[in-house]
């Protein structure tokens, strides 16, 4: 009888722990939709200040759980999304440049574009690296460097698009390349706007 009673008291703590774990799990699952909606609303609100808010929201809302409501993670994600798109565009342009029969001006514009978008990729990488080292003590200097890098990337993308201007550049290659370059330029513009917002909000903190 005494052994049975002892086993009974040993089981009770296990049951209590299991009950607590289950309760916490249920509460966590119940909060998940609310938290995700809050994160999405944060992204939508942040994107409203960019030049291309719909593109901003579409490109970032899928990362709502990662971003949460963190300005730094929002900027980091925007930069990484832009970097990924830029690298993909560079690979496409390299493939197109190897096509035989390109008109000389198109081939020259492609070569210039590959070079400047390569620079843009490096500048975006540098921005992401700098963001990884940002802290309260070095915030102003680091965010200024990031703004410089992202602005330079945007200038490079504009330079690429200028190379495909004019009626003599009409054709499938121009249409394909400009479409991709316009997208990464818009992504970069949005990322820069989010960087600028991050700079202004954080610099006002005590």
N, C-alpha and C. Protein backbone atom coordinates (compact mmCIF):
# COMPACT_ATOMS: atom_id res chain seq x y z
N UNK A 1 0.83 -1.20 0.00
CA UNK A 1 0.00 0.00 0.00
C UNK A 1 0.87 1.26 0.00
N UNK A 2 1.91 1.18 0.83
CA UNK A 2 2.82 2.32 0.93
C UNK A 2 3.54 2.54 -0.39
N UNK A 3 3.95 1.44 -1.09
CA UNK A 3 4.63 1.53 -2.39
C UNK A 3 3.71 2.11 -3.43
N UNK A 4 2.44 1.72 -3.39
CA UNK A 4 1.46 2.24 -4.36
C UNK A 4 1.27 3.73 -4.16
N UNK A 5 1.24 4.17 -2.93
CA UNK A 5 1.06 5.59 -2.62
C UNK A 5 2.26 6.41 -3.09
N UNK A 6 3.46 5.83 -2.93
CA UNK A 6 4.68 6.51 -3.36
C UNK A 6 4.71 6.70 -4.87
N UNK A 7 4.30 5.63 -5.60
CA UNK A 7 4.26 5.72 -7.06
C UNK A 7 3.25 6.78 -7.49
N UNK A 8 2.16 6.89 -6.74
CA UNK A 8 1.11 7.87 -7.05
C UNK A 8 1.66 9.29 -6.95
N UNK A 9 2.43 9.57 -5.91
CA UNK A 9 2.99 10.92 -5.73
C UNK A 9 4.08 11.22 -6.74
N UNK A 10 4.75 10.18 -7.26
CA UNK A 10 5.75 10.40 -8.30
C UNK A 10 5.10 10.77 -9.63
N UNK A 11 3.93 10.24 -9.89
CA UNK A 11 3.23 10.47 -11.16
C UNK A 11 2.68 11.89 -11.24
N UNK A 12 2.25 12.44 -10.10
CA UNK A 12 1.61 13.76 -10.09
C UNK A 12 2.48 14.85 -10.69
N UNK A 13 3.78 14.97 -10.30
CA UNK A 13 4.60 16.03 -10.92
C UNK A 13 4.71 15.87 -12.44
N UNK A 14 4.79 14.63 -12.91
CA UNK A 14 4.88 14.38 -14.35
C UNK A 14 3.62 14.87 -15.04
N UNK A 15 2.47 14.59 -14.44
CA UNK A 15 1.20 15.02 -15.01
C UNK A 15 1.11 16.55 -15.04
N UNK A 16 1.59 17.18 -13.97
CA UNK A 16 1.55 18.63 -13.90
C UNK A 16 2.44 19.27 -14.97
N UNK A 17 3.63 18.68 -15.16
CA UNK A 17 4.55 19.19 -16.18
C UNK A 17 3.95 19.03 -17.57
N UNK A 18 3.35 17.86 -17.81
CA UNK A 18 2.71 17.60 -19.11
C UNK A 18 1.57 18.57 -19.36
N UNK A 19 0.77 18.82 -18.31
CA UNK A 19 -0.35 19.74 -18.43
C UNK A 19 0.13 21.16 -18.73
N UNK A 20 1.20 21.57 -18.04
CA UNK A 20 1.74 22.92 -18.25
C UNK A 20 2.28 23.07 -19.66
N UNK A 21 2.99 22.04 -20.13
CA UNK A 21 3.55 22.06 -21.48
C UNK A 21 2.45 22.16 -22.53
N UNK A 22 1.41 21.36 -22.33
CA UNK A 22 0.28 21.36 -23.28
C UNK A 22 -0.42 22.72 -23.29
N UNK A 23 -0.61 23.29 -22.10
CA UNK A 23 -1.25 24.60 -21.99
C UNK A 23 -0.45 25.68 -22.70
N UNK A 24 0.88 25.67 -22.49
CA UNK A 24 1.75 26.65 -23.14
C UNK A 24 1.73 26.51 -24.66
N UNK A 25 1.67 25.25 -25.09
CA UNK A 25 1.66 24.98 -26.53
C UNK A 25 0.38 25.49 -27.17
N UNK A 26 -0.74 25.27 -26.49
CA UNK A 26 -2.04 25.73 -26.99
C UNK A 26 -2.07 27.25 -27.05
N UNK A 27 -1.58 27.89 -25.99
CA UNK A 27 -1.56 29.35 -25.95
C UNK A 27 -0.66 29.93 -27.04
N UNK A 28 0.48 29.25 -27.29
CA UNK A 28 1.40 29.69 -28.33
C UNK A 28 0.76 29.59 -29.70
N UNK A 29 0.05 28.49 -29.95
CA UNK A 29 -0.63 28.31 -31.23
C UNK A 29 -1.75 29.33 -31.40
N UNK A 30 -2.41 29.64 -30.30
CA UNK A 30 -3.50 30.61 -30.35
C UNK A 30 -2.98 32.01 -30.67
N UNK A 31 -1.77 32.33 -30.18
CA UNK A 31 -1.19 33.65 -30.41
C UNK A 31 -0.58 33.79 -31.80
N UNK A 32 -0.25 32.66 -32.45
CA UNK A 32 0.47 32.69 -33.73
C UNK A 32 -0.24 33.53 -34.80
N UNK A 33 -1.55 33.32 -35.03
CA UNK A 33 -2.21 34.13 -36.07
C UNK A 33 -2.17 35.62 -35.75
N UNK A 34 -2.33 35.97 -34.47
CA UNK A 34 -2.29 37.38 -34.07
C UNK A 34 -0.91 37.97 -34.32
N UNK A 35 0.14 37.22 -33.92
CA UNK A 35 1.50 37.71 -34.10
C UNK A 35 1.82 37.88 -35.57
N UNK A 36 1.43 36.90 -36.39
CA UNK A 36 1.73 36.97 -37.82
C UNK A 36 1.01 38.17 -38.45
N UNK A 37 -0.25 38.39 -38.06
CA UNK A 37 -0.99 39.52 -38.60
C UNK A 37 -0.35 40.84 -38.18
N UNK A 38 0.12 40.90 -36.95
CA UNK A 38 0.82 42.10 -36.46
C UNK A 38 2.09 42.35 -37.28
N UNK A 39 2.83 41.27 -37.57
CA UNK A 39 4.05 41.39 -38.37
C UNK A 39 3.74 41.88 -39.78
N UNK A 40 2.69 41.34 -40.37
CA UNK A 40 2.29 41.71 -41.73
C UNK A 40 1.87 43.18 -41.78
N UNK A 41 1.13 43.60 -40.77
CA UNK A 41 0.70 45.00 -40.72
C UNK A 41 1.90 45.93 -40.56
N UNK A 42 2.90 45.47 -39.82
CA UNK A 42 4.13 46.27 -39.65
C UNK A 42 4.83 46.43 -40.99
N UNK A 43 4.92 45.35 -41.75
CA UNK A 43 5.57 45.41 -43.07
C UNK A 43 4.79 46.31 -44.01
N UNK A 44 3.46 46.17 -44.01
CA UNK A 44 2.62 47.00 -44.88
C UNK A 44 2.78 48.48 -44.54
N UNK A 45 2.79 48.78 -43.26
CA UNK A 45 2.95 50.16 -42.82
C UNK A 45 4.32 50.71 -43.22
N UNK A 46 5.36 49.91 -43.05
CA UNK A 46 6.72 50.33 -43.40
C UNK A 46 6.86 50.53 -44.91
N UNK A 47 6.24 49.66 -45.68
CA UNK A 47 6.32 49.74 -47.14
C UNK A 47 5.57 50.94 -47.70
N UNK A 48 4.64 51.47 -46.95
CA UNK A 48 3.82 52.59 -47.44
C UNK A 48 4.66 53.84 -47.69
N UNK A 49 5.84 53.90 -47.09
CA UNK A 49 6.70 55.07 -47.27
C UNK A 49 7.70 54.89 -48.41
N UNK A 50 7.67 53.73 -49.07
CA UNK A 50 8.58 53.49 -50.20
C UNK A 50 7.95 53.98 -51.50
N UNK A 51 8.76 54.04 -52.54
CA UNK A 51 8.27 54.50 -53.85
C UNK A 51 7.39 53.45 -54.52
N UNK A 52 7.67 52.20 -54.25
CA UNK A 52 6.92 51.10 -54.87
C UNK A 52 6.36 50.19 -53.77
N UNK A 53 5.33 50.67 -53.06
CA UNK A 53 4.83 49.95 -51.88
C UNK A 53 4.28 48.55 -52.16
N UNK A 54 3.63 48.37 -53.30
CA UNK A 54 3.07 47.05 -53.61
C UNK A 54 4.18 46.02 -53.80
N UNK A 55 5.21 46.40 -54.55
CA UNK A 55 6.36 45.51 -54.74
C UNK A 55 7.04 45.25 -53.40
N UNK A 56 7.18 46.27 -52.60
CA UNK A 56 7.79 46.15 -51.27
C UNK A 56 7.04 45.13 -50.43
N UNK A 57 5.72 45.27 -50.39
CA UNK A 57 4.90 44.37 -49.56
C UNK A 57 4.97 42.94 -50.09
N UNK A 58 4.86 42.77 -51.42
CA UNK A 58 4.89 41.43 -52.02
C UNK A 58 6.21 40.73 -51.76
N UNK A 59 7.29 41.47 -51.82
CA UNK A 59 8.61 40.87 -51.68
C UNK A 59 9.00 40.57 -50.24
N UNK A 60 8.36 41.27 -49.28
CA UNK A 60 8.77 41.12 -47.88
C UNK A 60 7.75 40.40 -47.00
N UNK A 61 6.47 40.42 -47.36
CA UNK A 61 5.44 39.86 -46.48
C UNK A 61 5.62 38.36 -46.26
N UNK A 62 6.23 37.66 -47.22
CA UNK A 62 6.45 36.21 -47.05
C UNK A 62 7.49 35.93 -45.96
N UNK A 63 8.22 36.97 -45.56
CA UNK A 63 9.21 36.81 -44.49
C UNK A 63 8.73 37.43 -43.18
N UNK A 64 7.41 37.56 -43.03
CA UNK A 64 6.84 38.24 -41.86
C UNK A 64 7.30 37.63 -40.54
N UNK A 65 7.34 36.31 -40.47
CA UNK A 65 7.74 35.66 -39.21
C UNK A 65 9.20 35.94 -38.87
N UNK A 66 10.03 36.03 -39.89
CA UNK A 66 11.45 36.32 -39.67
C UNK A 66 11.65 37.77 -39.26
N UNK A 67 10.95 38.67 -39.95
CA UNK A 67 11.12 40.10 -39.71
C UNK A 67 10.54 40.52 -38.37
N UNK A 68 9.40 39.89 -38.01
CA UNK A 68 8.67 40.27 -36.79
C UNK A 68 8.31 41.76 -36.91
N UNK A 69 8.70 42.57 -35.96
CA UNK A 69 8.49 44.02 -36.09
C UNK A 69 9.82 44.74 -35.87
N UNK A 70 10.88 44.11 -36.34
CA UNK A 70 12.23 44.66 -36.15
C UNK A 70 12.66 45.50 -37.35
N UNK A 71 12.95 46.79 -37.16
CA UNK A 71 13.41 47.63 -38.27
C UNK A 71 14.70 47.11 -38.90
N UNK A 72 15.60 46.59 -38.06
CA UNK A 72 16.87 46.09 -38.60
C UNK A 72 16.65 44.85 -39.46
N UNK A 73 15.80 43.93 -38.98
CA UNK A 73 15.53 42.72 -39.76
C UNK A 73 14.75 43.05 -41.04
N UNK A 74 13.92 44.08 -40.98
CA UNK A 74 13.20 44.52 -42.17
C UNK A 74 14.20 44.99 -43.24
N UNK A 75 15.14 45.82 -42.83
CA UNK A 75 16.16 46.32 -43.76
C UNK A 75 17.03 45.16 -44.26
N UNK A 76 17.44 44.30 -43.36
CA UNK A 76 18.29 43.17 -43.73
C UNK A 76 17.59 42.29 -44.77
N UNK A 77 16.32 42.01 -44.56
CA UNK A 77 15.56 41.17 -45.49
C UNK A 77 15.41 41.87 -46.83
N UNK A 78 15.10 43.16 -46.81
CA UNK A 78 14.95 43.92 -48.06
C UNK A 78 16.25 43.91 -48.87
N UNK A 79 17.36 44.06 -48.19
CA UNK A 79 18.66 44.05 -48.88
C UNK A 79 18.97 42.66 -49.45
N UNK A 80 18.66 41.63 -48.68
CA UNK A 80 18.92 40.27 -49.15
C UNK A 80 18.03 39.88 -50.33
N UNK A 81 16.77 40.30 -50.28
CA UNK A 81 15.85 40.06 -51.41
C UNK A 81 16.38 40.75 -52.67
N UNK A 82 16.85 41.98 -52.51
CA UNK A 82 17.40 42.74 -53.64
C UNK A 82 18.67 42.09 -54.17
N UNK A 83 19.53 41.65 -53.26
CA UNK A 83 20.77 40.99 -53.66
C UNK A 83 20.48 39.71 -54.45
N UNK A 84 19.54 38.92 -53.98
CA UNK A 84 19.18 37.67 -54.67
C UNK A 84 18.68 37.97 -56.08
N UNK A 85 17.81 38.97 -56.22
CA UNK A 85 17.28 39.33 -57.54
C UNK A 85 18.39 39.86 -58.45
N UNK A 86 19.32 40.61 -57.90
CA UNK A 86 20.42 41.17 -58.68
C UNK A 86 21.35 40.07 -59.19
N UNK A 87 21.65 39.11 -58.34
CA UNK A 87 22.51 37.99 -58.75
C UNK A 87 21.83 37.16 -59.84
N UNK A 88 20.53 36.95 -59.70
CA UNK A 88 19.78 36.20 -60.70
C UNK A 88 19.79 36.93 -62.05
N UNK A 89 19.63 38.25 -62.01
CA UNK A 89 19.66 39.06 -63.23
C UNK A 89 21.03 39.02 -63.88
N UNK A 90 22.07 39.06 -63.08
CA UNK A 90 23.43 38.99 -63.61
C UNK A 90 23.66 37.68 -64.35
N UNK A 91 23.21 36.58 -63.75
CA UNK A 91 23.37 35.27 -64.40
C UNK A 91 22.63 35.24 -65.73
N UNK A 92 21.42 35.82 -65.76
CA UNK A 92 20.64 35.85 -67.00
C UNK A 92 21.37 36.66 -68.08
N UNK A 93 21.92 37.81 -67.70
CA UNK A 93 22.60 38.66 -68.67
C UNK A 93 23.86 37.99 -69.22
N UNK A 94 24.55 37.27 -68.37
CA UNK A 94 25.74 36.54 -68.83
C UNK A 94 25.34 35.50 -69.88
N UNK A 95 24.24 34.80 -69.64
CA UNK A 95 23.76 33.81 -70.62
C UNK A 95 23.37 34.48 -71.94
N UNK A 96 22.66 35.59 -71.84
CA UNK A 96 22.24 36.31 -73.05
C UNK A 96 23.43 36.82 -73.83
N UNK A 97 24.45 37.29 -73.12
CA UNK A 97 25.62 37.87 -73.79
C UNK A 97 26.38 36.84 -74.62
N UNK A 98 26.16 35.57 -74.32
CA UNK A 98 26.86 34.50 -75.06
C UNK A 98 26.11 34.04 -76.30
N UNK A 99 24.93 34.64 -76.52
CA UNK A 99 24.14 34.30 -77.70
C UNK A 99 24.83 34.87 -78.94
N UNK A 100 25.00 34.04 -79.95
CA UNK A 100 25.63 34.50 -81.19
C UNK A 100 24.64 35.35 -81.99
N UNK A 101 25.17 36.33 -82.67
CA UNK A 101 24.33 37.14 -83.55
C UNK A 101 23.78 38.39 -82.91
N UNK A 102 24.20 38.73 -81.69
CA UNK A 102 23.74 39.98 -81.08
C UNK A 102 24.32 41.16 -81.86
N UNK A 103 23.50 42.19 -82.04
CA UNK A 103 23.99 43.39 -82.71
C UNK A 103 25.10 44.01 -81.85
N UNK A 104 26.10 44.65 -82.49
CA UNK A 104 27.25 45.18 -81.75
C UNK A 104 26.86 46.11 -80.60
N UNK A 105 25.87 47.00 -80.84
CA UNK A 105 25.49 47.93 -79.78
C UNK A 105 24.83 47.19 -78.62
N UNK A 106 24.02 46.17 -78.94
CA UNK A 106 23.38 45.38 -77.90
C UNK A 106 24.43 44.62 -77.10
N UNK A 107 25.39 44.02 -77.80
CA UNK A 107 26.46 43.27 -77.12
C UNK A 107 27.27 44.18 -76.21
N UNK A 108 27.54 45.42 -76.68
CA UNK A 108 28.31 46.37 -75.87
C UNK A 108 27.51 46.79 -74.64
N UNK A 109 26.21 47.03 -74.83
CA UNK A 109 25.35 47.42 -73.70
C UNK A 109 25.27 46.28 -72.68
N UNK A 110 25.21 45.05 -73.17
CA UNK A 110 25.16 43.89 -72.27
C UNK A 110 26.43 43.80 -71.45
N UNK A 111 27.58 43.98 -72.10
CA UNK A 111 28.86 43.90 -71.40
C UNK A 111 28.96 44.96 -70.31
N UNK A 112 28.54 46.20 -70.67
CA UNK A 112 28.57 47.28 -69.68
C UNK A 112 27.62 46.98 -68.52
N UNK A 113 26.45 46.45 -68.86
CA UNK A 113 25.43 46.16 -67.85
C UNK A 113 25.92 45.08 -66.88
N UNK A 114 26.53 44.04 -67.41
CA UNK A 114 27.05 42.96 -66.57
C UNK A 114 28.07 43.52 -65.57
N UNK A 115 28.89 44.45 -66.05
CA UNK A 115 29.91 45.03 -65.18
C UNK A 115 29.29 45.88 -64.08
N UNK A 116 28.35 46.77 -64.44
CA UNK A 116 27.81 47.67 -63.42
C UNK A 116 26.86 46.94 -62.46
N UNK A 117 26.14 45.95 -62.95
CA UNK A 117 25.28 45.17 -62.03
C UNK A 117 26.15 44.32 -61.12
N UNK A 118 27.31 43.88 -61.62
CA UNK A 118 28.27 43.19 -60.75
C UNK A 118 28.73 44.10 -59.63
N UNK A 119 28.96 45.37 -59.97
CA UNK A 119 29.31 46.36 -58.93
C UNK A 119 28.16 46.52 -57.94
N UNK A 120 26.94 46.55 -58.47
CA UNK A 120 25.76 46.69 -57.61
C UNK A 120 25.65 45.52 -56.63
N UNK A 121 25.92 44.32 -57.11
CA UNK A 121 25.89 43.13 -56.25
C UNK A 121 26.91 43.27 -55.12
N UNK A 122 28.11 43.72 -55.46
CA UNK A 122 29.16 43.92 -54.44
C UNK A 122 28.73 44.97 -53.41
N UNK A 123 28.10 46.02 -53.87
CA UNK A 123 27.67 47.10 -52.97
C UNK A 123 26.55 46.64 -52.04
N UNK A 124 25.66 45.83 -52.56
CA UNK A 124 24.58 45.29 -51.71
C UNK A 124 25.15 44.33 -50.68
N UNK A 125 26.11 43.51 -51.10
CA UNK A 125 26.78 42.60 -50.15
C UNK A 125 27.45 43.39 -49.04
N UNK A 126 28.14 44.46 -49.43
CA UNK A 126 28.82 45.30 -48.44
C UNK A 126 27.83 45.91 -47.47
N UNK A 127 26.67 46.32 -47.97
CA UNK A 127 25.63 46.90 -47.12
C UNK A 127 25.15 45.90 -46.09
N UNK A 128 24.91 44.68 -46.54
CA UNK A 128 24.43 43.62 -45.64
C UNK A 128 25.48 43.31 -44.57
N UNK A 129 26.74 43.29 -45.00
CA UNK A 129 27.83 43.02 -44.05
C UNK A 129 27.92 44.13 -43.01
N UNK A 130 27.81 45.37 -43.46
CA UNK A 130 27.86 46.51 -42.54
C UNK A 130 26.69 46.46 -41.55
N UNK A 131 25.53 46.10 -42.05
CA UNK A 131 24.34 46.02 -41.19
C UNK A 131 24.54 44.99 -40.08
N UNK A 132 25.25 43.93 -40.41
CA UNK A 132 25.52 42.88 -39.42
C UNK A 132 26.39 43.35 -38.27
N UNK A 133 27.11 44.46 -38.47
CA UNK A 133 28.01 44.97 -37.42
C UNK A 133 27.46 46.20 -36.72
N UNK A 134 26.22 46.58 -37.07
CA UNK A 134 25.67 47.82 -36.53
C UNK A 134 25.34 47.68 -35.05
N UNK A 135 25.57 48.74 -34.30
CA UNK A 135 25.25 48.77 -32.86
C UNK A 135 24.94 50.21 -32.49
N UNK A 136 24.50 50.41 -31.26
CA UNK A 136 24.17 51.77 -30.83
C UNK A 136 25.40 52.68 -30.86
N UNK A 137 26.56 52.13 -30.56
CA UNK A 137 27.76 52.96 -30.48
C UNK A 137 28.28 53.39 -31.85
N UNK A 138 28.01 52.57 -32.90
CA UNK A 138 28.54 52.93 -34.23
C UNK A 138 27.41 53.20 -35.22
N UNK A 139 26.20 53.43 -34.70
CA UNK A 139 25.02 53.46 -35.57
C UNK A 139 25.12 54.52 -36.67
N UNK A 140 25.39 55.75 -36.31
CA UNK A 140 25.35 56.84 -37.29
C UNK A 140 26.36 56.64 -38.41
N UNK A 141 27.58 56.24 -38.05
CA UNK A 141 28.62 56.02 -39.06
C UNK A 141 28.27 54.84 -39.96
N UNK A 142 27.81 53.75 -39.34
CA UNK A 142 27.52 52.54 -40.11
C UNK A 142 26.32 52.74 -41.02
N UNK A 143 25.25 53.35 -40.52
CA UNK A 143 24.05 53.54 -41.35
C UNK A 143 24.37 54.49 -42.50
N UNK A 144 25.27 55.45 -42.28
CA UNK A 144 25.68 56.35 -43.36
C UNK A 144 26.41 55.58 -44.45
N UNK A 145 27.26 54.64 -44.05
CA UNK A 145 27.97 53.79 -45.02
C UNK A 145 26.98 52.94 -45.82
N UNK A 146 25.98 52.39 -45.12
CA UNK A 146 24.98 51.56 -45.79
C UNK A 146 24.20 52.39 -46.80
N UNK A 147 23.81 53.60 -46.42
CA UNK A 147 23.09 54.49 -47.34
C UNK A 147 23.93 54.78 -48.59
N UNK A 148 25.22 54.96 -48.38
CA UNK A 148 26.13 55.23 -49.51
C UNK A 148 26.21 54.04 -50.44
N UNK A 149 26.36 52.84 -49.86
CA UNK A 149 26.46 51.62 -50.68
C UNK A 149 25.18 51.36 -51.48
N UNK A 150 24.04 51.49 -50.82
CA UNK A 150 22.77 51.19 -51.50
C UNK A 150 22.48 52.25 -52.57
N UNK A 151 22.80 53.50 -52.29
CA UNK A 151 22.64 54.56 -53.29
C UNK A 151 23.51 54.29 -54.51
N UNK A 152 24.72 53.82 -54.27
CA UNK A 152 25.64 53.50 -55.37
C UNK A 152 25.09 52.35 -56.21
N UNK A 153 24.50 51.36 -55.54
CA UNK A 153 23.91 50.22 -56.26
C UNK A 153 22.77 50.70 -57.16
N UNK A 154 21.96 51.61 -56.65
CA UNK A 154 20.84 52.15 -57.43
C UNK A 154 21.35 52.93 -58.65
N UNK A 155 22.43 53.69 -58.47
CA UNK A 155 23.03 54.43 -59.57
C UNK A 155 23.54 53.49 -60.65
N UNK A 156 24.16 52.38 -60.23
CA UNK A 156 24.66 51.39 -61.18
C UNK A 156 23.52 50.80 -62.01
N UNK A 157 22.42 50.52 -61.36
CA UNK A 157 21.27 49.95 -62.07
C UNK A 157 20.68 50.93 -63.07
N UNK A 158 20.64 52.22 -62.69
CA UNK A 158 20.17 53.25 -63.62
C UNK A 158 21.10 53.37 -64.82
N UNK A 159 22.41 53.23 -64.57
CA UNK A 159 23.40 53.28 -65.65
C UNK A 159 23.17 52.14 -66.63
N UNK A 160 22.86 50.97 -66.11
CA UNK A 160 22.58 49.81 -66.96
C UNK A 160 21.37 50.08 -67.85
N UNK A 161 20.32 50.62 -67.27
CA UNK A 161 19.09 50.89 -68.04
C UNK A 161 19.34 51.95 -69.11
N UNK A 162 20.18 52.94 -68.81
CA UNK A 162 20.50 53.99 -69.79
C UNK A 162 21.15 53.39 -71.03
N UNK A 163 21.91 52.33 -70.82
CA UNK A 163 22.61 51.70 -71.94
C UNK A 163 21.67 51.05 -72.94
N UNK A 164 20.44 50.78 -72.53
CA UNK A 164 19.46 50.15 -73.41
C UNK A 164 18.41 51.14 -73.89
N UNK A 165 18.69 52.43 -73.74
CA UNK A 165 17.74 53.46 -74.19
C UNK A 165 17.88 53.67 -75.70
N UNK A 166 16.85 54.20 -76.31
CA UNK A 166 16.89 54.52 -77.73
C UNK A 166 16.21 53.48 -78.60
N UNK A 167 15.67 53.93 -79.73
CA UNK A 167 14.92 53.04 -80.62
C UNK A 167 15.81 51.98 -81.25
N UNK A 168 17.08 52.30 -81.43
CA UNK A 168 17.98 51.33 -82.07
C UNK A 168 18.22 50.10 -81.22
N UNK A 169 17.80 50.18 -79.96
CA UNK A 169 18.00 49.05 -79.04
C UNK A 169 16.74 48.20 -78.90
N UNK A 170 15.72 48.48 -79.70
CA UNK A 170 14.48 47.72 -79.59
C UNK A 170 14.72 46.25 -79.91
N UNK A 171 13.90 45.40 -79.32
CA UNK A 171 14.02 43.96 -79.57
C UNK A 171 13.78 43.18 -78.31
N UNK A 172 13.79 41.86 -78.45
CA UNK A 172 13.49 40.97 -77.32
C UNK A 172 14.52 41.07 -76.21
N UNK A 173 15.79 41.24 -76.59
CA UNK A 173 16.85 41.33 -75.58
C UNK A 173 16.64 42.56 -74.71
N UNK A 174 16.39 43.70 -75.35
CA UNK A 174 16.17 44.93 -74.59
C UNK A 174 14.97 44.78 -73.66
N UNK A 175 13.88 44.22 -74.16
CA UNK A 175 12.67 44.05 -73.36
C UNK A 175 12.93 43.17 -72.15
N UNK A 176 13.62 42.05 -72.39
CA UNK A 176 13.90 41.10 -71.31
C UNK A 176 14.81 41.70 -70.25
N UNK A 177 15.89 42.33 -70.71
CA UNK A 177 16.87 42.87 -69.77
C UNK A 177 16.29 44.05 -69.00
N UNK A 178 15.65 44.97 -69.70
CA UNK A 178 15.11 46.15 -69.03
C UNK A 178 14.07 45.76 -67.97
N UNK A 179 13.26 44.75 -68.29
CA UNK A 179 12.25 44.31 -67.32
C UNK A 179 12.91 43.85 -66.02
N UNK A 180 13.99 43.07 -66.16
CA UNK A 180 14.68 42.58 -64.95
C UNK A 180 15.41 43.71 -64.23
N UNK A 181 16.03 44.61 -65.00
CA UNK A 181 16.77 45.71 -64.37
C UNK A 181 15.83 46.67 -63.66
N UNK A 182 14.69 46.94 -64.28
CA UNK A 182 13.70 47.81 -63.65
C UNK A 182 13.25 47.22 -62.31
N UNK A 183 13.05 45.91 -62.28
CA UNK A 183 12.60 45.28 -61.03
C UNK A 183 13.64 45.43 -59.92
N UNK A 184 14.91 45.13 -60.24
CA UNK A 184 15.92 45.23 -59.17
C UNK A 184 16.16 46.69 -58.79
N UNK A 185 15.99 47.60 -59.74
CA UNK A 185 16.12 49.03 -59.40
C UNK A 185 15.01 49.45 -58.44
N UNK A 186 13.81 48.95 -58.69
CA UNK A 186 12.69 49.26 -57.79
C UNK A 186 12.90 48.62 -56.41
N UNK A 187 13.40 47.39 -56.40
CA UNK A 187 13.70 46.74 -55.12
C UNK A 187 14.77 47.51 -54.36
N UNK A 188 15.79 47.97 -55.08
CA UNK A 188 16.87 48.73 -54.45
C UNK A 188 16.35 50.06 -53.92
N UNK A 189 15.50 50.71 -54.70
CA UNK A 189 14.90 51.97 -54.26
C UNK A 189 14.11 51.77 -52.97
N UNK A 190 13.35 50.70 -52.92
CA UNK A 190 12.57 50.40 -51.71
C UNK A 190 13.49 50.11 -50.53
N UNK A 191 14.53 49.33 -50.78
CA UNK A 191 15.47 49.01 -49.71
C UNK A 191 16.12 50.28 -49.16
N UNK A 192 16.47 51.19 -50.06
CA UNK A 192 17.08 52.46 -49.63
C UNK A 192 16.11 53.28 -48.79
N UNK A 193 14.84 53.29 -49.19
CA UNK A 193 13.83 54.01 -48.41
C UNK A 193 13.70 53.42 -47.01
N UNK A 194 13.75 52.10 -46.90
CA UNK A 194 13.66 51.44 -45.59
C UNK A 194 14.91 51.71 -44.75
N UNK A 195 16.06 51.75 -45.41
CA UNK A 195 17.31 52.11 -44.71
C UNK A 195 17.20 53.53 -44.16
N UNK A 196 16.70 54.44 -44.99
CA UNK A 196 16.55 55.84 -44.55
C UNK A 196 15.57 55.96 -43.38
N UNK A 197 14.48 55.19 -43.44
CA UNK A 197 13.52 55.19 -42.33
C UNK A 197 14.17 54.66 -41.05
N UNK A 198 14.94 53.60 -41.20
CA UNK A 198 15.66 53.01 -40.06
C UNK A 198 16.61 54.03 -39.46
N UNK A 199 17.30 54.76 -40.34
CA UNK A 199 18.27 55.77 -39.88
C UNK A 199 17.56 56.87 -39.09
N UNK A 200 16.42 57.33 -39.58
CA UNK A 200 15.72 58.44 -38.93
C UNK A 200 15.09 58.03 -37.61
N UNK A 201 14.52 56.82 -37.54
CA UNK A 201 13.86 56.39 -36.31
C UNK A 201 14.86 56.08 -35.21
N UNK A 202 15.96 55.42 -35.59
CA UNK A 202 16.92 55.03 -34.58
C UNK A 202 17.74 56.23 -34.09
N UNK A 203 18.00 57.19 -34.97
CA UNK A 203 18.81 58.35 -34.56
C UNK A 203 18.05 59.24 -33.57
N UNK A 204 16.74 59.10 -33.52
CA UNK A 204 15.93 59.90 -32.58
C UNK A 204 15.81 59.25 -31.20
N UNK A 205 16.33 58.02 -31.09
CA UNK A 205 16.25 57.34 -29.80
C UNK A 205 17.25 57.99 -28.83
N UNK A 206 16.89 58.03 -27.52
CA UNK A 206 17.80 58.63 -26.55
C UNK A 206 19.05 57.80 -26.35
